[in-house]
Amino acid sequence: MGFFSSADDNLFLGIDIGDSSLKMVELKKKGKKIYLSNYAFSENVSGVNFTKIDDINYLAQAILKVKAEAGIKARRVTASLPTFSVFSSIINLAPTDKKNMDLTVAEEAKKVIPLPLEEMILDWKLVPGGDNKESVRVFLTGSPKKLVRRYIEIFRLAKLELASLETETFSLVRALMGNDLSTVMIVEIGANSTDLSIVQESIPVLNRSLEICGSTVTSALADKLGLSFAQAEQFKFDLGASLSDSAKEELPQLIIKTLAPVIHEIEYMREFFQGNAGGRKLEKIILSGGGSLLMNLADYLSRHLNLQVIIGDPFSRIIYPTEMKPIVDEVGPKLAVAAGLALREIT
């Protein structure tokens, strides 16, 4: 059941197709206000990797099943493209007339995209503050046409209208930053990867992806404590509730050690960016993804990095019943991409 009446068609649905999960957020717009109409997620379904599965009918049926069980009524969808399958890069161009930009970008793209351009769908955005008399900086993305056609067919089989596709990073920026033009790093700690992006005036200018992730921490806990993976996964998030206030001052050393490569990469990216940004400083870090809920992680990183670190709230601009806040706070980081996708068609 939805939280608000869904009798009309003024509904907006974002679907985040992850490696082993489907996440959905349905929003409703009334006047200038945006309401949470419904949400759903299904994780670790049969151990299937949804982003790599060849059986698109299976994936379409999984989408239908999750949508139906949650009572989601929207039929128009914005969906995510997996970050690893979309090429992105900052390119420098000689100043040119706006009417010639598409051609100029395409010519430069031939030098940096490893696939023939006829097999790609290109998109680009100017990087704010990056243009001068000698060059213009452009954020370029390239999506394989084969992948786009696959997603179109998946949603056709799922009896849904696919409004648009976009990479996860842009959805995260929209959900977690809105109109905030600060220079921030978004750290998305997912089940199977950790993605780091430095965002400058809403444009991701530096991106990295690591294999150290939520499941890495779970596996380390399982090995150390002699638990099954499922038991360790539950223990990981129950850990904070069972510790005393004094024990919560530090993350357990095993988790710190496991996440050390992520912390090192955060430090490296900050130093690299600030060393090449003409005096611009990283202002804060926003954590997202299920791994951001690891007990006291934001506080630990803030102290360790001497920088503001917060857990992102994708529902900060969305209205929902106040009694749902504890639940929304718990599931929000997992639903950030889906919320940003749903917001695309509204904002």
Protein backbone atom coordinates (compact mmCIF):
# COMPACT_ATOMS: atom_id res chain seq x y z
CA MET A 1 0.00 0.00 0.00
CA GLY A 2 1.19 3.50 -0.79
CA PHE A 3 1.35 6.18 1.87
CA PHE A 4 -0.73 8.64 -0.14
CA SER A 5 -3.60 8.24 -2.56
CA SER A 6 -2.34 7.23 -6.01
CA ALA A 7 -5.54 7.60 -7.99
CA ASP A 8 -4.01 9.98 -10.55
CA ASP A 9 -1.04 9.63 -12.87
CA ASN A 10 1.09 12.28 -11.20
CA LEU A 11 3.55 9.65 -9.99
CA PHE A 12 7.27 9.37 -10.62
CA LEU A 13 9.19 6.11 -10.22
CA GLY A 14 12.94 5.57 -9.96
CA ILE A 15 14.33 2.04 -10.28
CA ASP A 16 17.91 1.30 -9.27
CA ILE A 17 19.10 -2.03 -10.70
CA GLY A 18 22.06 -3.11 -8.61
CA ASP A 19 24.29 -6.17 -8.79
CA SER A 20 22.08 -8.22 -6.48
CA SER A 21 19.24 -5.87 -5.64
CA LEU A 22 16.30 -3.95 -7.02
CA LYS A 23 15.41 -0.67 -5.32
CA MET A 24 12.41 1.49 -6.15
CA VAL A 25 11.15 4.87 -4.98
CA GLU A 26 7.77 6.24 -6.05
CA LEU A 27 7.16 9.96 -5.58
CA LYS A 28 4.03 12.07 -5.97
CA LYS A 29 3.95 15.78 -6.73
CA LYS A 30 1.18 18.02 -5.42
CA GLY A 31 1.66 21.63 -6.37
CA LYS A 32 5.26 22.45 -5.54
CA LYS A 33 5.56 19.77 -2.85
CA ILE A 34 6.98 16.28 -3.36
CA TYR A 35 5.67 13.35 -1.32
CA LEU A 36 6.98 9.85 -0.77
CA SER A 37 4.27 7.69 -2.28
CA ASN A 38 5.93 4.29 -1.88
CA TYR A 39 9.24 2.45 -1.90
CA ALA A 40 10.48 -1.12 -2.23
CA PHE A 41 13.69 -3.06 -2.32
CA SER A 42 14.59 -6.68 -2.76
CA GLU A 43 18.18 -7.69 -2.01
CA ASN A 44 20.21 -10.83 -2.70
CA VAL A 45 17.47 -12.36 -4.83
CA SER A 46 18.63 -15.90 -5.61
CA GLY A 47 22.22 -14.67 -5.70
CA VAL A 48 21.66 -13.36 -9.24
CA ASN A 49 23.77 -10.48 -10.55
CA PHE A 50 21.08 -8.32 -12.17
CA THR A 51 23.52 -6.05 -14.00
CA LYS A 52 25.12 -8.97 -15.84
CA ILE A 53 22.28 -11.45 -16.26
CA ASP A 54 21.61 -12.51 -19.86
CA ASP A 55 18.00 -13.52 -19.26
CA ILE A 56 16.28 -10.15 -19.55
CA ASN A 57 12.85 -11.76 -19.14
CA TYR A 58 13.93 -12.98 -15.67
CA LEU A 59 14.93 -9.44 -14.74
CA ALA A 60 11.69 -8.00 -16.12
CA GLN A 61 9.67 -10.48 -14.07
CA ALA A 62 11.71 -9.64 -10.95
CA ILE A 63 10.90 -5.95 -11.46
CA LEU A 64 7.22 -6.75 -11.89
CA LYS A 65 7.22 -8.92 -8.75
CA VAL A 66 8.86 -6.31 -6.50
CA LYS A 67 6.65 -3.56 -7.88
CA ALA A 68 3.45 -5.57 -7.44
CA GLU A 69 4.26 -6.77 -3.92
CA ALA A 70 4.89 -3.18 -2.80
CA GLY A 71 1.74 -1.86 -4.47
CA ILE A 72 3.64 0.65 -6.61
CA LYS A 73 1.32 2.10 -9.24
CA ALA A 74 3.52 4.38 -11.36
CA ARG A 75 4.08 3.21 -14.92
CA ARG A 76 6.63 5.79 -16.10
CA VAL A 77 10.17 4.99 -14.96
CA THR A 78 13.62 6.51 -14.79
CA ALA A 79 16.26 3.81 -14.35
CA SER A 80 19.95 3.67 -13.54
CA LEU A 81 22.76 2.49 -15.76
CA PRO A 82 25.51 0.64 -13.86
CA THR A 83 28.51 2.91 -13.33
CA PHE A 84 31.01 0.29 -14.51
CA SER A 85 29.36 0.03 -17.95
CA VAL A 86 29.29 3.76 -18.74
CA PHE A 87 32.44 5.55 -19.85
CA SER A 88 33.05 8.99 -18.31
CA SER A 89 35.89 11.46 -18.53
CA ILE A 90 36.78 15.13 -18.23
CA ILE A 91 38.06 16.41 -21.59
CA ASN A 92 39.63 19.74 -22.53
CA LEU A 93 38.50 21.44 -25.71
CA ALA A 94 39.62 24.48 -27.59
CA PRO A 95 37.04 27.28 -27.25
CA THR A 96 34.35 26.93 -29.91
CA ASP A 97 30.90 28.23 -30.81
CA LYS A 98 28.01 26.58 -28.94
CA LYS A 99 26.46 25.44 -32.21
CA ASN A 100 29.61 23.44 -32.97
CA MET A 101 30.05 21.89 -29.52
CA ASP A 102 28.42 18.54 -30.31
CA LEU A 103 30.74 18.02 -33.27
CA THR A 104 33.79 19.18 -31.30
CA VAL A 105 32.97 16.89 -28.37
CA ALA A 106 32.44 13.94 -30.73
CA GLU A 107 35.83 14.51 -32.38
CA GLU A 108 37.59 14.61 -29.02
CA ALA A 109 35.60 11.61 -27.76
CA LYS A 110 37.19 9.47 -30.49
CA LYS A 111 40.51 9.91 -28.69
CA VAL A 112 39.36 8.80 -25.24
CA ILE A 113 36.50 6.31 -25.73
CA PRO A 114 37.83 2.81 -26.51
CA LEU A 115 34.78 1.79 -28.59
CA PRO A 116 33.64 3.07 -31.99
CA LEU A 117 31.44 6.14 -31.54
CA GLU A 118 28.72 4.62 -33.72
CA GLU A 119 28.25 2.08 -30.91
CA MET A 120 27.88 4.77 -28.21
CA ILE A 121 25.36 7.36 -27.07
CA LEU A 122 27.28 10.48 -26.04
CA ASP A 123 26.25 13.11 -23.52
CA TRP A 124 28.24 16.03 -22.16
CA LYS A 125 28.07 18.92 -19.71
CA LEU A 126 30.31 21.93 -19.23
CA VAL A 127 32.38 21.79 -16.05
CA PRO A 128 31.66 25.05 -14.14
CA GLY A 129 34.61 27.36 -13.71
CA GLY A 130 36.71 25.27 -16.06
CA ASP A 131 36.67 27.49 -19.13
CA ASN A 132 39.17 30.18 -20.03
CA LYS A 133 40.54 31.77 -23.17
CA GLU A 134 42.60 28.69 -23.99
CA SER A 135 40.37 25.73 -23.13
CA VAL A 136 36.91 24.54 -22.10
CA ARG A 137 36.44 21.61 -19.71
CA VAL A 138 33.65 19.16 -20.50
CA PHE A 139 32.33 16.17 -18.57
CA LEU A 140 31.76 13.46 -21.17
CA THR A 141 29.73 10.27 -20.78
CA GLY A 142 29.30 7.47 -23.27
CA SER A 143 26.73 4.70 -22.94
CA PRO A 144 26.88 1.62 -25.20
CA LYS A 145 23.84 1.52 -27.49
CA LYS A 146 23.65 -2.24 -26.94
CA LEU A 147 23.21 -1.68 -23.20
CA VAL A 148 20.58 1.02 -23.73
CA ARG A 149 18.60 -1.25 -26.09
CA ARG A 150 18.78 -4.01 -23.46
CA TYR A 151 17.26 -1.76 -20.80
CA ILE A 152 14.55 -0.57 -23.18
CA GLU A 153 13.57 -4.19 -23.82
CA ILE A 154 13.66 -5.08 -20.10
CA PHE A 155 11.17 -2.34 -19.24
CA ARG A 156 9.00 -3.15 -22.25
CA LEU A 157 8.72 -6.72 -20.94
CA ALA A 158 8.01 -5.31 -17.47
CA LYS A 159 5.11 -3.33 -19.00
CA LEU A 160 6.63 -0.01 -17.92
CA GLU A 161 7.32 3.16 -19.89
CA LEU A 162 11.03 3.99 -19.74
CA ALA A 163 11.28 7.79 -19.56
CA SER A 164 15.06 8.04 -19.30
CA LEU A 165 18.29 6.38 -18.23
CA GLU A 166 21.16 7.92 -16.34
CA THR A 167 24.29 6.89 -14.47
CA GLU A 168 24.09 6.37 -10.72
CA THR A 169 26.43 9.27 -9.90
CA PHE A 170 24.08 11.93 -11.29
CA SER A 171 21.17 10.40 -9.41
CA LEU A 172 23.17 10.53 -6.17
CA VAL A 173 24.10 14.18 -6.75
CA ARG A 174 20.45 15.09 -7.32
CA ALA A 175 19.19 13.16 -4.28
CA LEU A 176 21.91 14.07 -1.79
CA MET A 177 22.88 17.59 -2.85
CA GLY A 178 19.88 19.17 -4.59
CA ASN A 179 20.84 22.80 -5.29
CA ASP A 180 23.91 22.68 -3.05
CA LEU A 181 26.88 23.77 -5.18
CA SER A 182 29.51 22.91 -2.56
CA THR A 183 32.57 20.90 -3.50
CA VAL A 184 31.97 17.52 -1.86
CA MET A 185 32.98 13.90 -2.09
CA ILE A 186 30.17 11.34 -2.28
CA VAL A 187 31.20 7.91 -0.98
CA GLU A 188 28.68 5.24 -1.96
CA ILE A 189 29.41 2.06 -0.01
CA GLY A 190 27.34 -0.58 -1.74
CA ALA A 191 27.09 -4.32 -1.30
CA ASN A 192 29.57 -5.14 -4.06
CA SER A 193 31.58 -1.96 -4.69
CA THR A 194 32.42 1.42 -3.24
CA ASP A 195 32.17 4.37 -5.62
CA LEU A 196 33.84 7.69 -4.79
CA SER A 197 33.05 10.91 -6.65
CA ILE A 198 34.26 14.45 -6.10
CA VAL A 199 31.45 16.77 -7.16
CA GLN A 200 32.07 20.38 -8.12
CA GLU A 201 28.98 22.52 -8.72
CA SER A 202 26.86 19.39 -9.34
CA ILE A 203 29.35 17.88 -11.83
CA PRO A 204 31.37 14.76 -10.85
CA VAL A 205 34.91 15.77 -11.80
CA LEU A 206 36.82 12.85 -10.29
CA ASN A 207 35.59 9.27 -9.90
CA ARG A 208 37.00 6.02 -8.53
CA SER A 209 35.54 2.58 -7.84
CA LEU A 210 36.87 0.03 -5.35
CA GLU A 211 36.05 -3.62 -4.76
CA ILE A 212 36.26 -3.11 -0.98
CA CYS A 213 32.61 -2.79 0.02
CA GLY A 214 29.85 -3.82 2.40
CA SER A 215 30.15 -7.53 1.62
CA THR A 216 33.92 -7.33 2.26
CA VAL A 217 33.21 -6.22 5.83
CA THR A 218 30.57 -8.95 6.20
CA SER A 219 33.00 -11.64 5.00
CA ALA A 220 35.69 -10.41 7.40
CA LEU A 221 33.26 -10.57 10.33
CA ALA A 222 32.05 -14.03 9.27
CA ASP A 223 35.61 -15.39 9.14
CA LYS A 224 36.62 -13.80 12.43
CA LEU A 225 33.52 -14.80 14.40
CA GLY A 226 32.74 -18.15 12.74
CA LEU A 227 29.36 -16.96 11.45
CA SER A 228 27.52 -17.60 8.22
CA PHE A 229 27.47 -14.71 5.75
CA ALA A 230 23.79 -14.02 6.57
CA GLN A 231 24.48 -14.05 10.32
CA ALA A 232 27.48 -11.73 9.89
CA GLU A 233 25.41 -9.35 7.76
CA GLN A 234 22.83 -9.03 10.54
CA PHE A 235 25.53 -8.75 13.21
CA LYS A 236 27.24 -5.93 11.27
CA PHE A 237 24.24 -3.63 11.64
CA ASP A 238 23.24 -4.82 15.12
CA LEU A 239 26.74 -4.09 16.40
CA GLY A 240 26.13 -0.40 17.11
CA ALA A 241 23.03 -1.06 19.21
CA SER A 242 24.85 -3.59 21.41
CA LEU A 243 27.90 -1.47 22.27
CA SER A 244 28.25 0.87 25.21
CA ASP A 245 28.73 4.58 24.61
CA SER A 246 32.43 4.34 25.49
CA ALA A 247 32.96 1.44 23.06
CA LYS A 248 31.30 3.41 20.28
CA GLU A 249 34.09 5.98 20.40
CA GLU A 250 35.97 3.84 17.90
CA LEU A 251 34.89 1.43 15.20
CA PRO A 252 35.95 -2.13 15.96
CA GLN A 253 39.50 -2.57 14.72
CA LEU A 254 38.52 -5.36 12.31
CA ILE A 255 36.15 -3.03 10.44
CA ILE A 256 38.72 -0.23 10.41
CA LYS A 257 41.34 -2.60 8.97
CA THR A 258 38.92 -3.91 6.34
CA LEU A 259 37.93 -0.41 5.23
CA ALA A 260 41.53 0.90 5.25
CA PRO A 261 41.82 0.87 1.40
CA VAL A 262 38.66 2.97 1.14
CA ILE A 263 39.93 5.47 3.71
CA HIS A 264 43.29 5.62 1.93
CA GLU A 265 41.57 6.30 -1.40
CA ILE A 266 39.48 9.08 0.17
CA GLU A 267 42.67 10.71 1.43
CA TYR A 268 44.44 10.29 -1.91
CA MET A 269 41.52 11.72 -3.92
CA ARG A 270 41.23 14.71 -1.60
CA GLU A 271 44.95 15.47 -1.89
CA PHE A 272 44.98 14.98 -5.66
CA PHE A 273 41.94 17.18 -6.20
CA GLN A 274 43.08 19.98 -3.92
CA GLY A 275 46.52 19.90 -5.51
CA ASN A 276 45.03 20.45 -8.96
CA ALA A 277 41.97 22.61 -8.25
CA GLY A 278 43.54 26.05 -8.11
CA GLY A 279 42.98 26.52 -4.40
CA ARG A 280 39.52 24.97 -4.25
CA LYS A 281 39.04 22.80 -1.15
CA LEU A 282 36.91 19.75 -0.47
CA GLU A 283 34.23 21.00 1.92
CA LYS A 284 32.65 17.79 3.19
CA ILE A 285 32.04 14.10 2.54
CA ILE A 286 28.59 12.59 2.10
CA LEU A 287 28.23 8.87 2.82
CA SER A 288 25.59 6.79 1.08
CA GLY A 289 24.74 3.17 0.39
CA GLY A 290 24.00 0.45 2.93
CA GLY A 291 27.60 0.46 4.16
CA SER A 292 27.25 4.05 5.36
CA LEU A 293 25.10 2.67 8.20
CA LEU A 294 28.05 0.86 9.77
CA MET A 295 28.05 2.01 13.38
CA ASN A 296 29.76 5.33 13.97
CA LEU A 297 31.46 5.36 10.55
CA ALA A 298 30.67 9.01 9.80
CA ASP A 299 32.02 10.16 13.19
CA TYR A 300 35.15 8.05 12.84
CA LEU A 301 35.93 9.39 9.35
CA SER A 302 35.24 12.96 10.45
CA ARG A 303 37.80 12.67 13.25
CA HIS A 304 40.31 10.76 11.16
CA LEU A 305 40.12 13.13 8.17
CA ASN A 306 39.51 16.34 10.12
CA LEU A 307 36.62 17.05 7.75
CA GLN A 308 32.84 17.17 8.03
CA VAL A 309 31.40 13.74 7.18
CA ILE A 310 27.66 13.14 7.12
CA ILE A 311 25.28 10.36 6.10
CA GLY A 312 23.31 11.63 3.12
CA ASP A 313 19.53 12.01 3.38
CA PRO A 314 17.88 11.47 -0.03
CA PHE A 315 14.48 12.30 1.46
CA SER A 316 15.39 15.69 2.92
CA ARG A 317 13.24 17.48 0.29
CA ILE A 318 10.51 14.86 0.29
CA ILE A 319 7.46 14.81 2.60
CA TYR A 320 6.48 11.59 4.38
CA PRO A 321 4.57 10.71 7.58
CA THR A 322 6.57 11.72 10.66
CA GLU A 323 6.03 8.33 12.29
CA MET A 324 8.02 6.80 9.42
CA LYS A 325 11.21 8.76 10.14
CA PRO A 326 13.05 5.92 11.98
CA ILE A 327 12.37 3.58 9.04
CA VAL A 328 13.25 6.19 6.41
CA ASP A 329 16.50 7.00 8.23
CA GLU A 330 17.40 3.31 8.13
CA VAL A 331 16.56 2.59 4.49
CA GLY A 332 17.31 6.03 3.05
CA PRO A 333 21.02 5.49 2.30
CA LYS A 334 20.17 2.32 0.38
CA LEU A 335 17.52 4.12 -1.67
CA ALA A 336 19.50 7.25 -2.58
CA VAL A 337 20.03 6.34 -6.24
CA ALA A 338 16.37 5.33 -6.72
CA ALA A 339 15.20 8.56 -5.05
CA GLY A 340 17.46 10.63 -7.31
CA LEU A 341 16.10 8.82 -10.36
CA ALA A 342 12.50 9.54 -9.32
CA LEU A 343 13.37 13.20 -8.75
CA ARG A 344 14.78 13.57 -12.28
CA GLU A 345 11.37 13.86 -13.91
CA ILE A 346 10.01 16.19 -11.19
CA THR A 347 12.82 18.74 -10.79
